[in-house]
Amino acid sequence: MSDCKFCLNEPFDDLRLVTELKSSFVYMGAYQNKFVCRAIVSLKTHRNELFELTPVEMYEFTQDCARVAEAMKKAFPCDKINYGIAGDVMPHVHMHLVGKKKDGPMWSNMFSTQVTGEEPVTSEEQDRMIEKLRSAL
């Protein structure tokens, strides 16, 4: 899709590419202070809804998501990885992965993708986190 920011590989200003996997791109944003870590796995092919994926695309995308989740847990110790797909603002299949701790914000509740009032990490800290995740992959 010509105007899709994920298809143009320019999703949001604070997101930086971590790596390319079989069926997806992995991004990490600058808003990392609220939870242990956050990442986004975006399908390479433009699809609006999960049911639009072929069985092979679905398998490969979920495998990529699982691989990133495992790497997140290894790189950034946490009690649980939460997964979320919405797409209201960015109608392109992508999954938010969020590492949470039991004594941290929003435990036992769905995380929010809203970062209102949250301070971004420094560019250097974001680079460090990206490299840590990349190494774990």
C-alpha atoms as a PDB file:
ATOM      1  CA  MET A   1       0.000   0.000   0.000  1.00  0.00           C
ATOM      2  CA  SER A   2       1.615   3.242  -1.158  1.00  0.00           C
ATOM      3  CA  ASP A   3       0.812   5.428   1.877  1.00  0.00           C
ATOM      4  CA  CYS A   4       1.353   2.798   4.588  1.00  0.00           C
ATOM      5  CA  LYS A   5       4.167   3.916   6.866  1.00  0.00           C
ATOM      6  CA  PHE A   6       5.180   0.320   7.644  1.00  0.00           C
ATOM      7  CA  CYS A   7       5.336  -0.488   3.917  1.00  0.00           C
ATOM      8  CA  LEU A   8       7.470   2.622   3.413  1.00  0.00           C
ATOM      9  CA  ASN A   9       9.668   1.453   6.322  1.00  0.00           C
ATOM     10  CA  GLU A  10       9.082   4.695   8.226  1.00  0.00           C
ATOM     11  CA  PRO A  11       6.478   3.768  10.874  1.00  0.00           C
ATOM     12  CA  PHE A  12       6.939   6.408  13.607  1.00  0.00           C
ATOM     13  CA  ASP A  13       9.675   8.905  14.411  1.00  0.00           C
ATOM     14  CA  ASP A  14      10.814   7.116  17.573  1.00  0.00           C
ATOM     15  CA  LEU A  15      10.906   3.603  16.070  1.00  0.00           C
ATOM     16  CA  ARG A  16      14.207   2.202  14.874  1.00  0.00           C
ATOM     17  CA  LEU A  17      14.778  -0.986  12.954  1.00  0.00           C
ATOM     18  CA  VAL A  18      16.260  -3.784  15.043  1.00  0.00           C
ATOM     19  CA  THR A  19      16.428  -6.430  12.334  1.00  0.00           C
ATOM     20  CA  GLU A  20      14.687  -8.127   9.432  1.00  0.00           C
ATOM     21  CA  LEU A  21      13.327 -11.634   9.972  1.00  0.00           C
ATOM     22  CA  LYS A  22      11.773 -14.121   7.562  1.00  0.00           C
ATOM     23  CA  SER A  23       8.340 -12.507   7.306  1.00  0.00           C
ATOM     24  CA  SER A  24       8.717  -9.323   9.318  1.00  0.00           C
ATOM     25  CA  PHE A  25      10.676  -6.325  10.464  1.00  0.00           C
ATOM     26  CA  VAL A  26      11.393  -5.768  14.155  1.00  0.00           C
ATOM     27  CA  TYR A  27      11.352  -2.253  15.600  1.00  0.00           C
ATOM     28  CA  MET A  28      12.093  -0.792  19.000  1.00  0.00           C
ATOM     29  CA  GLY A  29      10.893   2.640  20.054  1.00  0.00           C
ATOM     30  CA  ALA A  30      12.292   5.274  22.390  1.00  0.00           C
ATOM     31  CA  TYR A  31       9.443   4.959  24.905  1.00  0.00           C
ATOM     32  CA  GLN A  32      10.926   2.237  27.071  1.00  0.00           C
ATOM     33  CA  ASN A  33      10.550   3.651  30.600  1.00  0.00           C
ATOM     34  CA  LYS A  34       7.123   2.344  31.589  1.00  0.00           C
ATOM     35  CA  PHE A  35       7.720  -1.366  30.992  1.00  0.00           C
ATOM     36  CA  VAL A  36      10.812  -3.592  30.950  1.00  0.00           C
ATOM     37  CA  CYS A  37      10.918  -3.371  27.149  1.00  0.00           C
ATOM     38  CA  ARG A  38       8.725  -2.921  24.107  1.00  0.00           C
ATOM     39  CA  ALA A  39       9.126  -4.039  20.511  1.00  0.00           C
ATOM     40  CA  ILE A  40       6.991  -4.180  17.387  1.00  0.00           C
ATOM     41  CA  VAL A  41       7.016  -7.017  14.865  1.00  0.00           C
ATOM     42  CA  SER A  42       5.594  -5.791  11.553  1.00  0.00           C
ATOM     43  CA  LEU A  43       4.595  -8.083   8.706  1.00  0.00           C
ATOM     44  CA  LYS A  44       6.629  -7.380   5.548  1.00  0.00           C
ATOM     45  CA  THR A  45       3.602  -7.833   3.296  1.00  0.00           C
ATOM     46  CA  HIS A  46       0.802  -5.310   3.617  1.00  0.00           C
ATOM     47  CA  ARG A  47      -2.261  -6.834   5.237  1.00  0.00           C
ATOM     48  CA  ASN A  48      -4.891  -5.041   7.317  1.00  0.00           C
ATOM     49  CA  GLU A  49      -6.293  -8.038   9.184  1.00  0.00           C
ATOM     50  CA  LEU A  50      -4.906 -11.345  10.435  1.00  0.00           C
ATOM     51  CA  PHE A  51      -7.504 -13.276   8.444  1.00  0.00           C
ATOM     52  CA  GLU A  52      -5.989 -11.822   5.249  1.00  0.00           C
ATOM     53  CA  LEU A  53      -2.721 -13.709   5.816  1.00  0.00           C
ATOM     54  CA  THR A  54      -2.134 -16.952   3.982  1.00  0.00           C
ATOM     55  CA  PRO A  55      -1.519 -19.972   6.212  1.00  0.00           C
ATOM     56  CA  VAL A  56       2.207 -19.747   5.438  1.00  0.00           C
ATOM     57  CA  GLU A  57       2.306 -16.010   6.250  1.00  0.00           C
ATOM     58  CA  MET A  58       0.444 -16.646   9.514  1.00  0.00           C
ATOM     59  CA  TYR A  59       2.851 -19.398  10.521  1.00  0.00           C
ATOM     60  CA  GLU A  60       5.952 -17.383   9.635  1.00  0.00           C
ATOM     61  CA  PHE A  61       4.657 -14.213  11.329  1.00  0.00           C
ATOM     62  CA  THR A  62       3.798 -15.994  14.569  1.00  0.00           C
ATOM     63  CA  GLN A  63       7.174 -17.764  14.481  1.00  0.00           C
ATOM     64  CA  ASP A  64       8.887 -14.378  14.114  1.00  0.00           C
ATOM     65  CA  CYS A  65       6.837 -12.967  17.006  1.00  0.00           C
ATOM     66  CA  ALA A  66       7.735 -15.941  19.206  1.00  0.00           C
ATOM     67  CA  ARG A  67      11.404 -15.574  18.313  1.00  0.00           C
ATOM     68  CA  VAL A  68      11.390 -11.883  19.256  1.00  0.00           C
ATOM     69  CA  ALA A  69       9.511 -12.583  22.506  1.00  0.00           C
ATOM     70  CA  GLU A  70      12.057 -15.218  23.496  1.00  0.00           C
ATOM     71  CA  ALA A  71      14.923 -12.834  22.712  1.00  0.00           C
ATOM     72  CA  MET A  72      13.248 -10.032  24.685  1.00  0.00           C
ATOM     73  CA  LYS A  73      12.888 -12.253  27.734  1.00  0.00           C
ATOM     74  CA  LYS A  74      16.532 -13.276  27.445  1.00  0.00           C
ATOM     75  CA  ALA A  75      17.856  -9.735  26.907  1.00  0.00           C
ATOM     76  CA  PHE A  76      15.512  -7.958  29.335  1.00  0.00           C
ATOM     77  CA  PRO A  77      14.498 -10.277  32.189  1.00  0.00           C
ATOM     78  CA  CYS A  78      10.789  -9.958  32.871  1.00  0.00           C
ATOM     79  CA  ASP A  79       7.974 -12.056  34.302  1.00  0.00           C
ATOM     80  CA  LYS A  80       5.749 -12.054  31.206  1.00  0.00           C
ATOM     81  CA  ILE A  81       5.666 -10.907  27.610  1.00  0.00           C
ATOM     82  CA  ASN A  82       2.305  -9.409  26.617  1.00  0.00           C
ATOM     83  CA  TYR A  83       1.159  -9.410  22.993  1.00  0.00           C
ATOM     84  CA  GLY A  84      -1.199  -6.992  21.291  1.00  0.00           C
ATOM     85  CA  ILE A  85      -2.563  -6.314  17.828  1.00  0.00           C
ATOM     86  CA  ALA A  86      -4.787  -3.301  17.243  1.00  0.00           C
ATOM     87  CA  GLY A  87      -4.102  -1.401  14.023  1.00  0.00           C
ATOM     88  CA  ASP A  88      -6.596   1.446  14.387  1.00  0.00           C
ATOM     89  CA  VAL A  89      -3.936   4.104  13.797  1.00  0.00           C
ATOM     90  CA  MET A  90      -1.626   1.981  11.658  1.00  0.00           C
ATOM     91  CA  PRO A  91      -3.761  -0.450   9.606  1.00  0.00           C
ATOM     92  CA  HIS A  92      -0.966  -2.886   8.798  1.00  0.00           C
ATOM     93  CA  VAL A  93      -0.600  -6.197  10.646  1.00  0.00           C
ATOM     94  CA  HIS A  94       1.934  -5.703  13.409  1.00  0.00           C
ATOM     95  CA  MET A  95       2.243  -7.054  16.923  1.00  0.00           C
ATOM     96  CA  HIS A  96       3.257  -5.099  20.007  1.00  0.00           C
ATOM     97  CA  LEU A  97       5.381  -7.146  22.419  1.00  0.00           C
ATOM     98  CA  VAL A  98       5.755  -5.757  25.932  1.00  0.00           C
ATOM     99  CA  GLY A  99       7.867  -7.210  28.721  1.00  0.00           C
ATOM    100  CA  LYS A 100       6.305  -6.726  32.157  1.00  0.00           C
ATOM    101  CA  LYS A 101       7.205  -7.436  35.775  1.00  0.00           C
ATOM    102  CA  LYS A 102       4.738  -8.542  38.443  1.00  0.00           C
ATOM    103  CA  ASP A 103       5.542  -5.500  40.556  1.00  0.00           C
ATOM    104  CA  GLY A 104       5.502  -3.136  37.558  1.00  0.00           C
ATOM    105  CA  PRO A 105       2.884  -0.964  35.874  1.00  0.00           C
ATOM    106  CA  MET A 106      -0.337  -2.496  34.595  1.00  0.00           C
ATOM    107  CA  TRP A 107       0.377  -6.032  35.846  1.00  0.00           C
ATOM    108  CA  SER A 108      -2.729  -8.174  35.258  1.00  0.00           C
ATOM    109  CA  ASN A 109      -4.053  -5.540  32.840  1.00  0.00           C
ATOM    110  CA  MET A 110      -3.604  -5.041  29.118  1.00  0.00           C
ATOM    111  CA  PHE A 111      -0.764  -2.649  28.372  1.00  0.00           C
ATOM    112  CA  SER A 112      -1.434   0.611  26.600  1.00  0.00           C
ATOM    113  CA  THR A 113       0.338   1.670  23.438  1.00  0.00           C
ATOM    114  CA  GLN A 114      -0.250   5.294  24.412  1.00  0.00           C
ATOM    115  CA  VAL A 115       2.902   7.026  25.636  1.00  0.00           C
ATOM    116  CA  THR A 116       1.303  10.278  26.788  1.00  0.00           C
ATOM    117  CA  GLY A 117       3.342  11.706  29.637  1.00  0.00           C
ATOM    118  CA  GLU A 118       6.074   9.096  29.278  1.00  0.00           C
ATOM    119  CA  GLU A 119       9.603  10.340  28.712  1.00  0.00           C
ATOM    120  CA  PRO A 120      11.605   8.658  25.947  1.00  0.00           C
ATOM    121  CA  VAL A 121      14.946   7.066  26.721  1.00  0.00           C
ATOM    122  CA  THR A 122      18.016   8.794  25.339  1.00  0.00           C
ATOM    123  CA  SER A 123      19.148   7.963  21.840  1.00  0.00           C
ATOM    124  CA  GLU A 124      22.178   6.229  23.338  1.00  0.00           C
ATOM    125  CA  GLU A 125      20.003   4.094  25.633  1.00  0.00           C
ATOM    126  CA  GLN A 126      17.720   3.199  22.733  1.00  0.00           C
ATOM    127  CA  ASP A 127      20.787   2.146  20.703  1.00  0.00           C
ATOM    128  CA  ARG A 128      22.013   0.026  23.642  1.00  0.00           C
ATOM    129  CA  MET A 129      18.621  -1.681  23.979  1.00  0.00           C
ATOM    130  CA  ILE A 130      18.413  -2.328  20.244  1.00  0.00           C
ATOM    131  CA  GLU A 131      21.859  -3.903  20.232  1.00  0.00           C
ATOM    132  CA  LYS A 132      20.975  -6.020  23.253  1.00  0.00           C
ATOM    133  CA  LEU A 133      17.824  -7.329  21.540  1.00  0.00           C
ATOM    134  CA  ARG A 134      19.649  -7.818  18.243  1.00  0.00           C
ATOM    135  CA  SER A 135      22.329  -9.878  20.022  1.00  0.00           C
ATOM    136  CA  ALA A 136      19.686 -12.037  21.699  1.00  0.00           C
ATOM    137  CA  LEU A 137      18.063 -12.789  18.356  1.00  0.00           C
END
